[in-house]
Amino acid sequence: VQLVESGGGLVQAGGSLRLSCAASGSISSMNVMGWYRQALGEQRELVATVTRGGITNYADYVKGRFTISRDSPKNTVLQMDTLKREDTAVYYCNLKDIGGDYWGKGTQVTVSS
């Protein structure tokens, strides 16, 4: 299974970005896709997850600002609004299924003041 992220970049505080993740390979029907992030010098942390059936889970620090969705069985999208400087990090796509735990290479999101 391979995961490829796209959509990162530089944005001003208060702005929006949309991240996409496309999975390829054989994926079981029972799976969860999600986004994690890692700021410089910090540990990787959960941002949001979504099941194949559309059940979502968000970290408290993004609730009301970020929206995760599945636009196909193998794609997930993270819409990020009202971005803050503290959202600056490398964002990683993740997929968990019966076969394993898979990660993309990450995409940089930088929020300037």
C-alpha atoms as a PDB file:
ATOM      1  CA  VAL A   1       0.000   0.000   0.000  1.00  0.00           C
ATOM      2  CA  GLN A   2       1.331   3.452  -0.903  1.00  0.00           C
ATOM      3  CA  LEU A   3      -0.006   6.800   0.267  1.00  0.00           C
ATOM      4  CA  VAL A   4       0.690  10.061  -1.537  1.00  0.00           C
ATOM      5  CA  GLU A   5      -0.186  13.414   0.002  1.00  0.00           C
ATOM      6  CA  SER A   6      -0.701  16.683  -1.837  1.00  0.00           C
ATOM      7  CA  GLY A   7      -1.897  20.205  -1.100  1.00  0.00           C
ATOM      8  CA  GLY A   8       0.532  21.532   1.476  1.00  0.00           C
ATOM      9  CA  GLY A   9       2.093  24.963   1.262  1.00  0.00           C
ATOM     10  CA  LEU A  10       2.445  28.400   2.802  1.00  0.00           C
ATOM     11  CA  VAL A  11      -0.608  30.310   3.979  1.00  0.00           C
ATOM     12  CA  GLN A  12      -1.280  33.300   6.190  1.00  0.00           C
ATOM     13  CA  ALA A  13      -2.928  32.887   9.570  1.00  0.00           C
ATOM     14  CA  GLY A  14      -6.682  32.758   9.166  1.00  0.00           C
ATOM     15  CA  GLY A  15      -6.395  31.209   5.734  1.00  0.00           C
ATOM     16  CA  SER A  16      -7.291  27.761   4.400  1.00  0.00           C
ATOM     17  CA  LEU A  17      -5.576  24.784   2.826  1.00  0.00           C
ATOM     18  CA  ARG A  18      -6.878  21.496   1.502  1.00  0.00           C
ATOM     19  CA  LEU A  19      -4.801  18.334   1.801  1.00  0.00           C
ATOM     20  CA  SER A  20      -5.491  15.211  -0.219  1.00  0.00           C
ATOM     21  CA  CYS A  21      -4.218  11.674   0.183  1.00  0.00           C
ATOM     22  CA  ALA A  22      -4.462   8.968  -2.437  1.00  0.00           C
ATOM     23  CA  ALA A  23      -3.900   5.326  -1.546  1.00  0.00           C
ATOM     24  CA  SER A  24      -2.857   2.675  -4.027  1.00  0.00           C
ATOM     25  CA  GLY A  25      -2.577  -1.068  -3.671  1.00  0.00           C
ATOM     26  CA  SER A  26      -4.781  -3.673  -2.067  1.00  0.00           C
ATOM     27  CA  ILE A  27      -6.753  -2.298   0.877  1.00  0.00           C
ATOM     28  CA  SER A  28      -9.220  -4.187   3.005  1.00  0.00           C
ATOM     29  CA  SER A  29     -12.799  -2.943   3.148  1.00  0.00           C
ATOM     30  CA  MET A  30     -12.467  -2.331   6.889  1.00  0.00           C
ATOM     31  CA  ASN A  31     -10.026   0.544   7.170  1.00  0.00           C
ATOM     32  CA  VAL A  32      -9.439   3.894   8.763  1.00  0.00           C
ATOM     33  CA  MET A  33      -7.685   6.784   7.042  1.00  0.00           C
ATOM     34  CA  GLY A  34      -6.372   9.775   8.887  1.00  0.00           C
ATOM     35  CA  TRP A  35      -4.002  12.671   9.214  1.00  0.00           C
ATOM     36  CA  TYR A  36      -1.263  13.190  11.752  1.00  0.00           C
ATOM     37  CA  ARG A  37       1.197  16.024  12.066  1.00  0.00           C
ATOM     38  CA  GLN A  38       4.665  16.600  13.438  1.00  0.00           C
ATOM     39  CA  ALA A  39       6.053  20.021  14.215  1.00  0.00           C
ATOM     40  CA  LEU A  40       9.791  20.605  14.377  1.00  0.00           C
ATOM     41  CA  GLY A  41      11.160  19.103  17.577  1.00  0.00           C
ATOM     42  CA  GLU A  42       7.807  17.656  18.585  1.00  0.00           C
ATOM     43  CA  GLN A  43       6.249  14.203  18.542  1.00  0.00           C
ATOM     44  CA  ARG A  44       3.812  13.151  15.852  1.00  0.00           C
ATOM     45  CA  GLU A  45       0.227  13.790  16.930  1.00  0.00           C
ATOM     46  CA  LEU A  46      -3.248  12.907  15.736  1.00  0.00           C
ATOM     47  CA  VAL A  47      -5.177  15.458  13.692  1.00  0.00           C
ATOM     48  CA  ALA A  48      -8.240  13.547  12.492  1.00  0.00           C
ATOM     49  CA  THR A  49      -9.408  10.131  11.299  1.00  0.00           C
ATOM     50  CA  VAL A  50     -12.308   8.850   9.237  1.00  0.00           C
ATOM     51  CA  THR A  51     -13.565   5.301   8.795  1.00  0.00           C
ATOM     52  CA  ARG A  52     -14.655   3.763   5.524  1.00  0.00           C
ATOM     53  CA  GLY A  53     -18.226   4.346   6.720  1.00  0.00           C
ATOM     54  CA  GLY A  54     -17.598   8.046   7.395  1.00  0.00           C
ATOM     55  CA  ILE A  55     -17.260   8.098  11.171  1.00  0.00           C
ATOM     56  CA  THR A  56     -14.880  10.900  12.100  1.00  0.00           C
ATOM     57  CA  ASN A  57     -12.660  11.700  15.055  1.00  0.00           C
ATOM     58  CA  TYR A  58     -10.810  14.976  15.675  1.00  0.00           C
ATOM     59  CA  ALA A  59      -8.146  16.196  18.034  1.00  0.00           C
ATOM     60  CA  ASP A  60      -9.507  18.926  20.301  1.00  0.00           C
ATOM     61  CA  TYR A  61      -7.135  21.514  18.888  1.00  0.00           C
ATOM     62  CA  VAL A  62      -8.620  21.266  15.375  1.00  0.00           C
ATOM     63  CA  LYS A  63     -12.311  20.735  16.158  1.00  0.00           C
ATOM     64  CA  GLY A  64     -14.456  23.301  14.421  1.00  0.00           C
ATOM     65  CA  ARG A  65     -11.636  24.332  12.085  1.00  0.00           C
ATOM     66  CA  PHE A  66     -10.639  21.147  10.193  1.00  0.00           C
ATOM     67  CA  THR A  67     -12.896  18.737   8.332  1.00  0.00           C
ATOM     68  CA  ILE A  68     -11.882  15.249   7.221  1.00  0.00           C
ATOM     69  CA  SER A  69     -13.756  13.298   4.582  1.00  0.00           C
ATOM     70  CA  ARG A  70     -13.499  10.340   2.244  1.00  0.00           C
ATOM     71  CA  ASP A  71     -14.231  11.249  -1.366  1.00  0.00           C
ATOM     72  CA  SER A  72     -13.602   7.677  -2.517  1.00  0.00           C
ATOM     73  CA  PRO A  73     -12.699   4.343  -0.889  1.00  0.00           C
ATOM     74  CA  LYS A  74      -9.008   5.107  -1.351  1.00  0.00           C
ATOM     75  CA  ASN A  75      -8.887   8.884  -0.937  1.00  0.00           C
ATOM     76  CA  THR A  76      -9.169  11.191   2.024  1.00  0.00           C
ATOM     77  CA  VAL A  77      -9.297  14.971   2.168  1.00  0.00           C
ATOM     78  CA  LEU A  78      -8.488  17.305   5.049  1.00  0.00           C
ATOM     79  CA  GLN A  79     -10.006  20.763   4.718  1.00  0.00           C
ATOM     80  CA  MET A  80      -8.185  23.153   7.046  1.00  0.00           C
ATOM     81  CA  ASP A  81      -9.785  26.514   7.787  1.00  0.00           C
ATOM     82  CA  THR A  82      -8.919  29.330  10.169  1.00  0.00           C
ATOM     83  CA  LEU A  83      -5.315  28.162  10.249  1.00  0.00           C
ATOM     84  CA  LYS A  84      -3.077  29.258  13.109  1.00  0.00           C
ATOM     85  CA  ARG A  85       0.703  29.541  13.360  1.00  0.00           C
ATOM     86  CA  GLU A  86       0.692  26.545  15.685  1.00  0.00           C
ATOM     87  CA  ASP A  87      -0.745  24.412  12.881  1.00  0.00           C
ATOM     88  CA  THR A  88       2.641  24.621  11.157  1.00  0.00           C
ATOM     89  CA  ALA A  89       3.946  21.059  10.761  1.00  0.00           C
ATOM     90  CA  VAL A  90       4.544  18.223   8.365  1.00  0.00           C
ATOM     91  CA  TYR A  91       1.216  16.494   7.799  1.00  0.00           C
ATOM     92  CA  TYR A  92       1.200  12.751   7.244  1.00  0.00           C
ATOM     93  CA  CYS A  93      -1.531  10.607   5.757  1.00  0.00           C
ATOM     94  CA  ASN A  94      -2.155   7.295   7.508  1.00  0.00           C
ATOM     95  CA  LEU A  95      -4.146   4.187   6.661  1.00  0.00           C
ATOM     96  CA  LYS A  96      -4.852   1.317   9.028  1.00  0.00           C
ATOM     97  CA  ASP A  97      -6.424  -1.935   7.878  1.00  0.00           C
ATOM     98  CA  ILE A  98      -6.169  -5.636   8.563  1.00  0.00           C
ATOM     99  CA  GLY A  99      -2.913  -5.768   6.607  1.00  0.00           C
ATOM    100  CA  GLY A 100      -1.050  -3.109   8.505  1.00  0.00           C
ATOM    101  CA  ASP A 101      -0.364   0.520   9.339  1.00  0.00           C
ATOM    102  CA  TYR A 102       0.780   2.659   6.419  1.00  0.00           C
ATOM    103  CA  TRP A 103       2.196   6.170   6.168  1.00  0.00           C
ATOM    104  CA  GLY A 104       2.761   8.708   3.447  1.00  0.00           C
ATOM    105  CA  LYS A 105       5.950  10.746   3.194  1.00  0.00           C
ATOM    106  CA  GLY A 106       4.285  13.905   4.446  1.00  0.00           C
ATOM    107  CA  THR A 107       3.520  17.378   3.152  1.00  0.00           C
ATOM    108  CA  GLN A 108       4.680  20.630   4.737  1.00  0.00           C
ATOM    109  CA  VAL A 109       2.110  23.135   5.972  1.00  0.00           C
ATOM    110  CA  THR A 110       3.468  26.507   7.053  1.00  0.00           C
ATOM    111  CA  VAL A 111       1.237  29.188   8.547  1.00  0.00           C
ATOM    112  CA  SER A 112       2.690  32.691   8.727  1.00  0.00           C
ATOM    113  CA  SER A 113       1.489  35.512  10.933  1.00  0.00           C
END
